[in-house]
Amino acid sequence: MPETTGLRLKVLASGLHQLATKCEKIAGELAADANPPSISTSGWQSSAATARSAAGHAGKDLSSIATRINSRGTLYDATATAFTRTEEQNTRRLRGLVR
């Protein structure tokens, strides 16, 4: 297990929102590529059928990946919103203590 002593990670809500936007963009691009290309039939029926089947499976896999990336982006966005709310609540509490 790597040693993490002394390492810090600064998480900003704006960064999480940006990450969510990137995930949504990537998911959209992947979803667009998930549709398998049309393969016309030829004298090589078995090869065309195999290629069509492989393209269909690859499209399903790509669609699944796009869905997971999109849901991850949604979670990042929700986390950023919750992070911002918590920071705002903590700021109000601190101001209340200072008064």
PDB file of N, CA and C in Angstrom:
ATOM      1  N   MET A   1       0.847  -1.175   0.000  1.00  0.00           N
ATOM      2  CA  MET A   1       0.000   0.000   0.000  1.00  0.00           C
ATOM      3  C   MET A   1       0.891   1.236   0.000  1.00  0.00           C
ATOM      4  N   PRO A   2       0.636   2.211  -0.865  1.00  0.00           N
ATOM      5  CA  PRO A   2       1.487   3.386  -0.933  1.00  0.00           C
ATOM      6  C   PRO A   2       1.341   4.255   0.313  1.00  0.00           C
ATOM      7  N   GLU A   3       2.422   4.883   0.690  1.00  0.00           N
ATOM      8  CA  GLU A   3       2.410   5.754   1.849  1.00  0.00           C
ATOM      9  C   GLU A   3       1.814   7.099   1.446  1.00  0.00           C
ATOM     10  N   THR A   4       0.883   7.601   2.252  1.00  0.00           N
ATOM     11  CA  THR A   4       0.216   8.855   1.920  1.00  0.00           C
ATOM     12  C   THR A   4       0.493   9.948   2.945  1.00  0.00           C
ATOM     13  N   THR A   5       1.425   9.727   3.845  1.00  0.00           N
ATOM     14  CA  THR A   5       1.735  10.715   4.860  1.00  0.00           C
ATOM     15  C   THR A   5       2.224  11.999   4.204  1.00  0.00           C
ATOM     16  N   GLY A   6       1.627  13.109   4.603  1.00  0.00           N
ATOM     17  CA  GLY A   6       2.058  14.403   4.093  1.00  0.00           C
ATOM     18  C   GLY A   6       1.413  14.808   2.776  1.00  0.00           C
ATOM     19  N   LEU A   7       0.677  13.921   2.133  1.00  0.00           N
ATOM     20  CA  LEU A   7       0.020  14.270   0.873  1.00  0.00           C
ATOM     21  C   LEU A   7      -1.364  14.819   1.163  1.00  0.00           C
ATOM     22  N   ARG A   8      -1.734  15.860   0.428  1.00  0.00           N
ATOM     23  CA  ARG A   8      -3.053  16.457   0.606  1.00  0.00           C
ATOM     24  C   ARG A   8      -3.714  16.632  -0.752  1.00  0.00           C
ATOM     25  N   LEU A   9      -4.988  16.513  -0.754  1.00  0.00           N
ATOM     26  CA  LEU A   9      -5.766  16.689  -1.972  1.00  0.00           C
ATOM     27  C   LEU A   9      -6.780  17.793  -1.700  1.00  0.00           C
ATOM     28  N   LYS A  10      -6.738  18.823  -2.516  1.00  0.00           N
ATOM     29  CA  LYS A  10      -7.685  19.928  -2.373  1.00  0.00           C
ATOM     30  C   LYS A  10      -8.803  19.726  -3.387  1.00  0.00           C
ATOM     31  N   VAL A  11     -10.016  19.568  -2.889  1.00  0.00           N
ATOM     32  CA  VAL A  11     -11.175  19.345  -3.745  1.00  0.00           C
ATOM     33  C   VAL A  11     -12.007  20.615  -3.757  1.00  0.00           C
ATOM     34  N   LEU A  12     -12.266  21.111  -4.932  1.00  0.00           N
ATOM     35  CA  LEU A  12     -13.106  22.294  -5.096  1.00  0.00           C
ATOM     36  C   LEU A  12     -14.378  21.915  -5.831  1.00  0.00           C
ATOM     37  N   ALA A  13     -15.468  22.520  -5.422  1.00  0.00           N
ATOM     38  CA  ALA A  13     -16.752  22.227  -6.067  1.00  0.00           C
ATOM     39  C   ALA A  13     -16.698  22.550  -7.554  1.00  0.00           C
ATOM     40  N   SER A  14     -16.026  23.626  -7.910  1.00  0.00           N
ATOM     41  CA  SER A  14     -15.948  23.996  -9.330  1.00  0.00           C
ATOM     42  C   SER A  14     -15.232  22.918 -10.141  1.00  0.00           C
ATOM     43  N   GLY A  15     -14.199  22.313  -9.545  1.00  0.00           N
ATOM     44  CA  GLY A  15     -13.486  21.238 -10.230  1.00  0.00           C
ATOM     45  C   GLY A  15     -14.359  20.010 -10.429  1.00  0.00           C
ATOM     46  N   LEU A  16     -15.183  19.709  -9.433  1.00  0.00           N
ATOM     47  CA  LEU A  16     -16.090  18.566  -9.566  1.00  0.00           C
ATOM     48  C   LEU A  16     -17.138  18.829 -10.634  1.00  0.00           C
ATOM     49  N   HIS A  17     -17.641  20.062 -10.696  1.00  0.00           N
ATOM     50  CA  HIS A  17     -18.610  20.401 -11.751  1.00  0.00           C
ATOM     51  C   HIS A  17     -17.955  20.292 -13.131  1.00  0.00           C
ATOM     52  N   GLN A  18     -16.695  20.736 -13.251  1.00  0.00           N
ATOM     53  CA  GLN A  18     -15.985  20.632 -14.526  1.00  0.00           C
ATOM     54  C   GLN A  18     -15.790  19.174 -14.911  1.00  0.00           C
ATOM     55  N   LEU A  19     -15.438  18.340 -13.933  1.00  0.00           N
ATOM     56  CA  LEU A  19     -15.257  16.912 -14.190  1.00  0.00           C
ATOM     57  C   LEU A  19     -16.575  16.283 -14.637  1.00  0.00           C
ATOM     58  N   ALA A  20     -17.672  16.689 -14.013  1.00  0.00           N
ATOM     59  CA  ALA A  20     -18.989  16.171 -14.406  1.00  0.00           C
ATOM     60  C   ALA A  20     -19.308  16.547 -15.842  1.00  0.00           C
ATOM     61  N   THR A  21     -18.992  17.774 -16.224  1.00  0.00           N
ATOM     62  CA  THR A  21     -19.250  18.228 -17.595  1.00  0.00           C
ATOM     63  C   THR A  21     -18.428  17.420 -18.593  1.00  0.00           C
ATOM     64  N   LYS A  22     -17.161  17.155 -18.259  1.00  0.00           N
ATOM     65  CA  LYS A  22     -16.310  16.356 -19.143  1.00  0.00           C
ATOM     66  C   LYS A  22     -16.853  14.936 -19.277  1.00  0.00           C
ATOM     67  N   CYS A  23     -17.311  14.363 -18.168  1.00  0.00           N
ATOM     68  CA  CYS A  23     -17.869  13.005 -18.214  1.00  0.00           C
ATOM     69  C   CYS A  23     -19.104  12.959 -19.111  1.00  0.00           C
ATOM     70  N   GLU A  24     -19.971  13.970 -18.990  1.00  0.00           N
ATOM     71  CA  GLU A  24     -21.168  14.003 -19.823  1.00  0.00           C
ATOM     72  C   GLU A  24     -20.794  14.112 -21.302  1.00  0.00           C
ATOM     73  N   LYS A  25     -19.774  14.924 -21.610  1.00  0.00           N
ATOM     74  CA  LYS A  25     -19.339  15.086 -23.000  1.00  0.00           C
ATOM     75  C   LYS A  25     -18.791  13.776 -23.551  1.00  0.00           C
ATOM     76  N   ILE A  26     -17.928  13.122 -22.775  1.00  0.00           N
ATOM     77  CA  ILE A  26     -17.340  11.854 -23.212  1.00  0.00           C
ATOM     78  C   ILE A  26     -18.431  10.792 -23.384  1.00  0.00           C
ATOM     79  N   ALA A  27     -19.371  10.747 -22.440  1.00  0.00           N
ATOM     80  CA  ALA A  27     -20.451   9.767 -22.530  1.00  0.00           C
ATOM     81  C   ALA A  27     -21.280   9.988 -23.785  1.00  0.00           C
ATOM     82  N   GLY A  28     -21.537  11.243 -24.121  1.00  0.00           N
ATOM     83  CA  GLY A  28     -22.294  11.543 -25.339  1.00  0.00           C
ATOM     84  C   GLY A  28     -21.559  11.105 -26.589  1.00  0.00           C
ATOM     85  N   GLU A  29     -20.243  11.335 -26.598  1.00  0.00           N
ATOM     86  CA  GLU A  29     -19.440  10.917 -27.760  1.00  0.00           C
ATOM     87  C   GLU A  29     -19.419   9.399 -27.893  1.00  0.00           C
ATOM     88  N   LEU A  30     -19.273   8.708 -26.765  1.00  0.00           N
ATOM     89  CA  LEU A  30     -19.257   7.245 -26.800  1.00  0.00           C
ATOM     90  C   LEU A  30     -20.611   6.691 -27.222  1.00  0.00           C
ATOM     91  N   ALA A  31     -21.681   7.289 -26.714  1.00  0.00           N
ATOM     92  CA  ALA A  31     -23.019   6.812 -27.070  1.00  0.00           C
ATOM     93  C   ALA A  31     -23.261   6.962 -28.571  1.00  0.00           C
ATOM     94  N   ALA A  32     -22.746   8.043 -29.146  1.00  0.00           N
ATOM     95  CA  ALA A  32     -22.915   8.249 -30.591  1.00  0.00           C
ATOM     96  C   ALA A  32     -22.163   7.186 -31.387  1.00  0.00           C
ATOM     97  N   ASP A  33     -21.021   6.738 -30.867  1.00  0.00           N
ATOM     98  CA  ASP A  33     -20.235   5.719 -31.557  1.00  0.00           C
ATOM     99  C   ASP A  33     -20.727   4.304 -31.277  1.00  0.00           C
ATOM    100  N   ALA A  34     -21.674   4.157 -30.361  1.00  0.00           N
ATOM    101  CA  ALA A  34     -22.133   2.819 -29.973  1.00  0.00           C
ATOM    102  C   ALA A  34     -23.009   2.163 -31.022  1.00  0.00           C
ATOM    103  N   ASN A  35     -23.558   2.939 -31.930  1.00  0.00           N
ATOM    104  CA  ASN A  35     -24.397   2.359 -32.977  1.00  0.00           C
ATOM    105  C   ASN A  35     -23.509   1.640 -33.988  1.00  0.00           C
ATOM    106  N   PRO A  36     -23.708   0.340 -34.143  1.00  0.00           N
ATOM    107  CA  PRO A  36     -22.852  -0.399 -35.076  1.00  0.00           C
ATOM    108  C   PRO A  36     -23.086   0.034 -36.519  1.00  0.00           C
ATOM    109  N   PRO A  37     -22.054   0.002 -37.329  1.00  0.00           N
ATOM    110  CA  PRO A  37     -22.224   0.380 -38.738  1.00  0.00           C
ATOM    111  C   PRO A  37     -23.031  -0.687 -39.467  1.00  0.00           C
ATOM    112  N   SER A  38     -23.705  -0.258 -40.506  1.00  0.00           N
ATOM    113  CA  SER A  38     -24.459  -1.240 -41.287  1.00  0.00           C
ATOM    114  C   SER A  38     -23.479  -1.985 -42.197  1.00  0.00           C
ATOM    115  N   ILE A  39     -23.626  -3.268 -42.221  1.00  0.00           N
ATOM    116  CA  ILE A  39     -22.756  -4.115 -43.046  1.00  0.00           C
ATOM    117  C   ILE A  39     -23.635  -4.813 -44.068  1.00  0.00           C
ATOM    118  N   SER A  40     -23.364  -4.548 -45.320  1.00  0.00           N
ATOM    119  CA  SER A  40     -24.193  -5.156 -46.363  1.00  0.00           C
ATOM    120  C   SER A  40     -23.828  -6.632 -46.523  1.00  0.00           C
ATOM    121  N   THR A  41     -24.788  -7.382 -46.954  1.00  0.00           N
ATOM    122  CA  THR A  41     -24.544  -8.804 -47.180  1.00  0.00           C
ATOM    123  C   THR A  41     -23.742  -8.979 -48.461  1.00  0.00           C
ATOM    124  N   SER A  42     -22.988 -10.043 -48.489  1.00  0.00           N
ATOM    125  CA  SER A  42     -22.177 -10.317 -49.673  1.00  0.00           C
ATOM    126  C   SER A  42     -22.094 -11.828 -49.858  1.00  0.00           C
ATOM    127  N   GLY A  43     -21.220 -12.225 -50.734  1.00  0.00           N
ATOM    128  CA  GLY A  43     -21.008 -13.656 -50.934  1.00  0.00           C
ATOM    129  C   GLY A  43     -20.374 -14.300 -49.714  1.00  0.00           C
ATOM    130  N   TRP A  44     -19.818 -13.513 -48.876  1.00  0.00           N
ATOM    131  CA  TRP A  44     -19.167 -14.021 -47.666  1.00  0.00           C
ATOM    132  C   TRP A  44     -20.128 -13.893 -46.486  1.00  0.00           C
ATOM    133  N   GLN A  45     -21.254 -14.571 -46.576  1.00  0.00           N
ATOM    134  CA  GLN A  45     -22.310 -14.441 -45.572  1.00  0.00           C
ATOM    135  C   GLN A  45     -21.816 -14.694 -44.149  1.00  0.00           C
ATOM    136  N   SER A  46     -21.026 -15.723 -43.954  1.00  0.00           N
ATOM    137  CA  SER A  46     -20.597 -16.029 -42.593  1.00  0.00           C
ATOM    138  C   SER A  46     -19.698 -14.927 -42.046  1.00  0.00           C
ATOM    139  N   SER A  47     -18.826 -14.368 -42.895  1.00  0.00           N
ATOM    140  CA  SER A  47     -17.958 -13.280 -42.448  1.00  0.00           C
ATOM    141  C   SER A  47     -18.772 -12.029 -42.140  1.00  0.00           C
ATOM    142  N   ALA A  48     -19.735 -11.727 -42.987  1.00  0.00           N
ATOM    143  CA  ALA A  48     -20.580 -10.556 -42.755  1.00  0.00           C
ATOM    144  C   ALA A  48     -21.392 -10.729 -41.484  1.00  0.00           C
ATOM    145  N   ALA A  49     -21.927 -11.934 -41.266  1.00  0.00           N
ATOM    146  CA  ALA A  49     -22.709 -12.189 -40.058  1.00  0.00           C
ATOM    147  C   ALA A  49     -21.828 -12.087 -38.814  1.00  0.00           C
ATOM    148  N   THR A  50     -20.630 -12.614 -38.898  1.00  0.00           N
ATOM    149  CA  THR A  50     -19.703 -12.538 -37.768  1.00  0.00           C
ATOM    150  C   THR A  50     -19.333 -11.089 -37.473  1.00  0.00           C
ATOM    151  N   ALA A  51     -19.036 -10.323 -38.519  1.00  0.00           N
ATOM    152  CA  ALA A  51     -18.691  -8.915 -38.346  1.00  0.00           C
ATOM    153  C   ALA A  51     -19.866  -8.134 -37.776  1.00  0.00           C
ATOM    154  N   ARG A  52     -21.064  -8.410 -38.251  1.00  0.00           N
ATOM    155  CA  ARG A  52     -22.266  -7.737 -37.757  1.00  0.00           C
ATOM    156  C   ARG A  52     -22.476  -8.058 -36.280  1.00  0.00           C
ATOM    157  N   SER A  53     -22.300  -9.319 -35.920  1.00  0.00           N
ATOM    158  CA  SER A  53     -22.460  -9.735 -34.531  1.00  0.00           C
ATOM    159  C   SER A  53     -21.410  -9.065 -33.638  1.00  0.00           C
ATOM    160  N   ALA A  54     -20.167  -9.051 -34.097  1.00  0.00           N
ATOM    161  CA  ALA A  54     -19.090  -8.421 -33.314  1.00  0.00           C
ATOM    162  C   ALA A  54     -19.343  -6.929 -33.148  1.00  0.00           C
ATOM    163  N   ALA A  55     -19.802  -6.281 -34.208  1.00  0.00           N
ATOM    164  CA  ALA A  55     -20.099  -4.850 -34.130  1.00  0.00           C
ATOM    165  C   ALA A  55     -21.237  -4.591 -33.150  1.00  0.00           C
ATOM    166  N   GLY A  56     -22.231  -5.461 -33.145  1.00  0.00           N
ATOM    167  CA  GLY A  56     -23.343  -5.321 -32.207  1.00  0.00           C
ATOM    168  C   GLY A  56     -22.889  -5.451 -30.763  1.00  0.00           C
ATOM    169  N   HIS A  57     -22.042  -6.451 -30.504  1.00  0.00           N
ATOM    170  CA  HIS A  57     -21.518  -6.642 -29.141  1.00  0.00           C
ATOM    171  C   HIS A  57     -20.643  -5.467 -28.727  1.00  0.00           C
ATOM    172  N   ALA A  58     -19.811  -4.987 -29.635  1.00  0.00           N
ATOM    173  CA  ALA A  58     -18.949  -3.840 -29.322  1.00  0.00           C
ATOM    174  C   ALA A  58     -19.804  -2.608 -29.046  1.00  0.00           C
ATOM    175  N   GLY A  59     -20.865  -2.427 -29.803  1.00  0.00           N
ATOM    176  CA  GLY A  59     -21.762  -1.298 -29.579  1.00  0.00           C
ATOM    177  C   GLY A  59     -22.414  -1.356 -28.214  1.00  0.00           C
ATOM    178  N   LYS A  60     -22.838  -2.554 -27.794  1.00  0.00           N
ATOM    179  CA  LYS A  60     -23.441  -2.717 -26.466  1.00  0.00           C
ATOM    180  C   LYS A  60     -22.425  -2.407 -25.379  1.00  0.00           C
ATOM    181  N   ASP A  61     -21.193  -2.894 -25.545  1.00  0.00           N
ATOM    182  CA  ASP A  61     -20.142  -2.611 -24.567  1.00  0.00           C
ATOM    183  C   ASP A  61     -19.872  -1.113 -24.483  1.00  0.00           C
ATOM    184  N   LEU A  62     -19.771  -0.461 -25.623  1.00  0.00           N
ATOM    185  CA  LEU A  62     -19.497   0.966 -25.666  1.00  0.00           C
ATOM    186  C   LEU A  62     -20.647   1.751 -25.045  1.00  0.00           C
ATOM    187  N   SER A  63     -21.856   1.327 -25.316  1.00  0.00           N
ATOM    188  CA  SER A  63     -23.027   1.983 -24.733  1.00  0.00           C
ATOM    189  C   SER A  63     -23.020   1.840 -23.218  1.00  0.00           C
ATOM    190  N   SER A  64     -22.648   0.671 -22.738  1.00  0.00           N
ATOM    191  CA  SER A  64     -22.573   0.430 -21.297  1.00  0.00           C
ATOM    192  C   SER A  64     -21.516   1.323 -20.649  1.00  0.00           C
ATOM    193  N   ILE A  65     -20.378   1.445 -21.304  1.00  0.00           N
ATOM    194  CA  ILE A  65     -19.306   2.312 -20.788  1.00  0.00           C
ATOM    195  C   ILE A  65     -19.779   3.761 -20.756  1.00  0.00           C
ATOM    196  N   ALA A  66     -20.444   4.211 -21.813  1.00  0.00           N
ATOM    197  CA  ALA A  66     -20.957   5.581 -21.870  1.00  0.00           C
ATOM    198  C   ALA A  66     -21.941   5.837 -20.735  1.00  0.00           C
ATOM    199  N   THR A  67     -22.803   4.863 -20.462  1.00  0.00           N
ATOM    200  CA  THR A  67     -23.772   5.008 -19.379  1.00  0.00           C
ATOM    201  C   THR A  67     -23.073   5.133 -18.036  1.00  0.00           C
ATOM    202  N   ARG A  68     -22.049   4.306 -17.815  1.00  0.00           N
ATOM    203  CA  ARG A  68     -21.310   4.376 -16.547  1.00  0.00           C
ATOM    204  C   ARG A  68     -20.586   5.703 -16.390  1.00  0.00           C
ATOM    205  N   ILE A  69     -19.973   6.191 -17.461  1.00  0.00           N
ATOM    206  CA  ILE A  69     -19.273   7.478 -17.388  1.00  0.00           C
ATOM    207  C   ILE A  69     -20.270   8.595 -17.118  1.00  0.00           C
ATOM    208  N   ASN A  70     -21.412   8.543 -17.771  1.00  0.00           N
ATOM    209  CA  ASN A  70     -22.427   9.569 -17.562  1.00  0.00           C
ATOM    210  C   ASN A  70     -22.942   9.549 -16.133  1.00  0.00           C
ATOM    211  N   SER A  71     -23.186   8.369 -15.580  1.00  0.00           N
ATOM    212  CA  SER A  71     -23.671   8.293 -14.197  1.00  0.00           C
ATOM    213  C   SER A  71     -22.593   8.763 -13.226  1.00  0.00           C
ATOM    214  N   ARG A  72     -21.334   8.494 -13.542  1.00  0.00           N
ATOM    215  CA  ARG A  72     -20.234   8.989 -12.699  1.00  0.00           C
ATOM    216  C   ARG A  72     -20.208  10.515 -12.731  1.00  0.00           C
ATOM    217  N   GLY A  73     -20.413  11.095 -13.914  1.00  0.00           N
ATOM    218  CA  GLY A  73     -20.470  12.549 -14.038  1.00  0.00           C
ATOM    219  C   GLY A  73     -21.605  13.140 -13.229  1.00  0.00           C
ATOM    220  N   THR A  74     -22.751  12.474 -13.235  1.00  0.00           N
ATOM    221  CA  THR A  74     -23.893  12.928 -12.443  1.00  0.00           C
ATOM    222  C   THR A  74     -23.554  12.898 -10.957  1.00  0.00           C
ATOM    223  N   LEU A  75     -22.851  11.861 -10.523  1.00  0.00           N
ATOM    224  CA  LEU A  75     -22.440  11.776  -9.118  1.00  0.00           C
ATOM    225  C   LEU A  75     -21.452  12.887  -8.769  1.00  0.00           C
ATOM    226  N   TYR A  76     -20.509  13.187  -9.671  1.00  0.00           N
ATOM    227  CA  TYR A  76     -19.564  14.283  -9.423  1.00  0.00           C
ATOM    228  C   TYR A  76     -20.310  15.603  -9.259  1.00  0.00           C
ATOM    229  N   ASP A  77     -21.295  15.816 -10.113  1.00  0.00           N
ATOM    230  CA  ASP A  77     -22.053  17.054 -10.060  1.00  0.00           C
ATOM    231  C   ASP A  77     -22.821  17.154  -8.743  1.00  0.00           C
ATOM    232  N   ALA A  78     -23.458  16.061  -8.332  1.00  0.00           N
ATOM    233  CA  ALA A  78     -24.198  16.054  -7.065  1.00  0.00           C
ATOM    234  C   ALA A  78     -23.255  16.259  -5.884  1.00  0.00           C
ATOM    235  N   THR A  79     -22.077  15.657  -5.945  1.00  0.00           N
ATOM    236  CA  THR A  79     -21.093  15.817  -4.876  1.00  0.00           C
ATOM    237  C   THR A  79     -20.633  17.262  -4.782  1.00  0.00           C
ATOM    238  N   ALA A  80     -20.405  17.887  -5.914  1.00  0.00           N
ATOM    239  CA  ALA A  80     -19.984  19.288  -5.926  1.00  0.00           C
ATOM    240  C   ALA A  80     -21.059  20.183  -5.320  1.00  0.00           C
ATOM    241  N   THR A  81     -22.309  19.908  -5.637  1.00  0.00           N
ATOM    242  CA  THR A  81     -23.411  20.695  -5.080  1.00  0.00           C
ATOM    243  C   THR A  81     -23.488  20.508  -3.571  1.00  0.00           C
ATOM    244  N   ALA A  82     -23.378  19.267  -3.110  1.00  0.00           N
ATOM    245  CA  ALA A  82     -23.399  18.996  -1.666  1.00  0.00           C
ATOM    246  C   ALA A  82     -22.198  19.638  -0.985  1.00  0.00           C
ATOM    247  N   PHE A  83     -21.048  19.591  -1.625  1.00  0.00           N
ATOM    248  CA  PHE A  83     -19.833  20.191  -1.084  1.00  0.00           C
ATOM    249  C   PHE A  83     -20.034  21.702  -0.896  1.00  0.00           C
ATOM    250  N   THR A  84     -20.623  22.342  -1.890  1.00  0.00           N
ATOM    251  CA  THR A  84     -20.873  23.784  -1.815  1.00  0.00           C
ATOM    252  C   THR A  84     -21.846  24.102  -0.683  1.00  0.00           C
ATOM    253  N   ARG A  85     -22.914  23.326  -0.554  1.00  0.00           N
ATOM    254  CA  ARG A  85     -23.878  23.546   0.532  1.00  0.00           C
ATOM    255  C   ARG A  85     -23.222  23.403   1.897  1.00  0.00           C
ATOM    256  N   THR A  86     -22.400  22.383   2.053  1.00  0.00           N
ATOM    257  CA  THR A  86     -21.724  22.163   3.327  1.00  0.00           C
ATOM    258  C   THR A  86     -20.805  23.334   3.656  1.00  0.00           C
ATOM    259  N   GLU A  87     -20.059  23.798   2.655  1.00  0.00           N
ATOM    260  CA  GLU A  87     -19.174  24.946   2.881  1.00  0.00           C
ATOM    261  C   GLU A  87     -19.960  26.186   3.270  1.00  0.00           C
ATOM    262  N   GLU A  88     -21.106  26.401   2.621  1.00  0.00           N
ATOM    263  CA  GLU A  88     -21.933  27.558   2.956  1.00  0.00           C
ATOM    264  C   GLU A  88     -22.489  27.448   4.370  1.00  0.00           C
ATOM    265  N   GLN A  89     -22.933  26.250   4.771  1.00  0.00           N
ATOM    266  CA  GLN A  89     -23.441  26.044   6.123  1.00  0.00           C
ATOM    267  C   GLN A  89     -22.337  26.263   7.151  1.00  0.00           C
ATOM    268  N   ASN A  90     -21.153  25.736   6.853  1.00  0.00           N
ATOM    269  CA  ASN A  90     -20.032  25.915   7.787  1.00  0.00           C
ATOM    270  C   ASN A  90     -19.648  27.381   7.915  1.00  0.00           C
ATOM    271  N   THR A  91     -19.712  28.115   6.823  1.00  0.00           N
ATOM    272  CA  THR A  91     -19.401  29.547   6.864  1.00  0.00           C
ATOM    273  C   THR A  91     -20.400  30.286   7.749  1.00  0.00           C
ATOM    274  N   ARG A  92     -21.687  29.960   7.601  1.00  0.00           N
ATOM    275  CA  ARG A  92     -22.710  30.598   8.442  1.00  0.00           C
ATOM    276  C   ARG A  92     -22.500  30.252   9.913  1.00  0.00           C
ATOM    277  N   ARG A  93     -22.174  29.016  10.192  1.00  0.00           N
ATOM    278  CA  ARG A  93     -21.938  28.606  11.591  1.00  0.00           C
ATOM    279  C   ARG A  93     -20.735  29.333  12.179  1.00  0.00           C
ATOM    280  N   LEU A  94     -19.676  29.433  11.394  1.00  0.00           N
ATOM    281  CA  LEU A  94     -18.472  30.120  11.870  1.00  0.00           C
ATOM    282  C   LEU A  94     -18.766  31.589  12.141  1.00  0.00           C
ATOM    283  N   ARG A  95     -19.525  32.218  11.248  1.00  0.00           N
ATOM    284  CA  ARG A  95     -19.892  33.630  11.475  1.00  0.00           C
ATOM    285  C   ARG A  95     -20.726  33.768  12.740  1.00  0.00           C
ATOM    286  N   GLY A  96     -21.592  32.791  12.996  1.00  0.00           N
ATOM    287  CA  GLY A  96     -22.406  32.814  14.214  1.00  0.00           C
ATOM    288  C   GLY A  96     -21.555  32.699  15.460  1.00  0.00           C
ATOM    289  N   LEU A  97     -20.492  31.924  15.386  1.00  0.00           N
ATOM    290  CA  LEU A  97     -19.603  31.762  16.540  1.00  0.00           C
ATOM    291  C   LEU A  97     -18.765  33.011  16.784  1.00  0.00           C
ATOM    292  N   VAL A  98     -18.389  33.680  15.711  1.00  0.00           N
ATOM    293  CA  VAL A  98     -17.531  34.856  15.818  1.00  0.00           C
ATOM    294  C   VAL A  98     -18.281  36.028  16.426  1.00  0.00           C
ATOM    295  N   ARG A  99     -19.565  36.136  16.182  1.00  0.00           N
ATOM    296  CA  ARG A  99     -20.366  37.273  16.689  1.00  0.00           C
ATOM    297  C   ARG A  99     -20.483  37.242  18.145  1.00  0.00           C
TER     298      ARG A  99
END
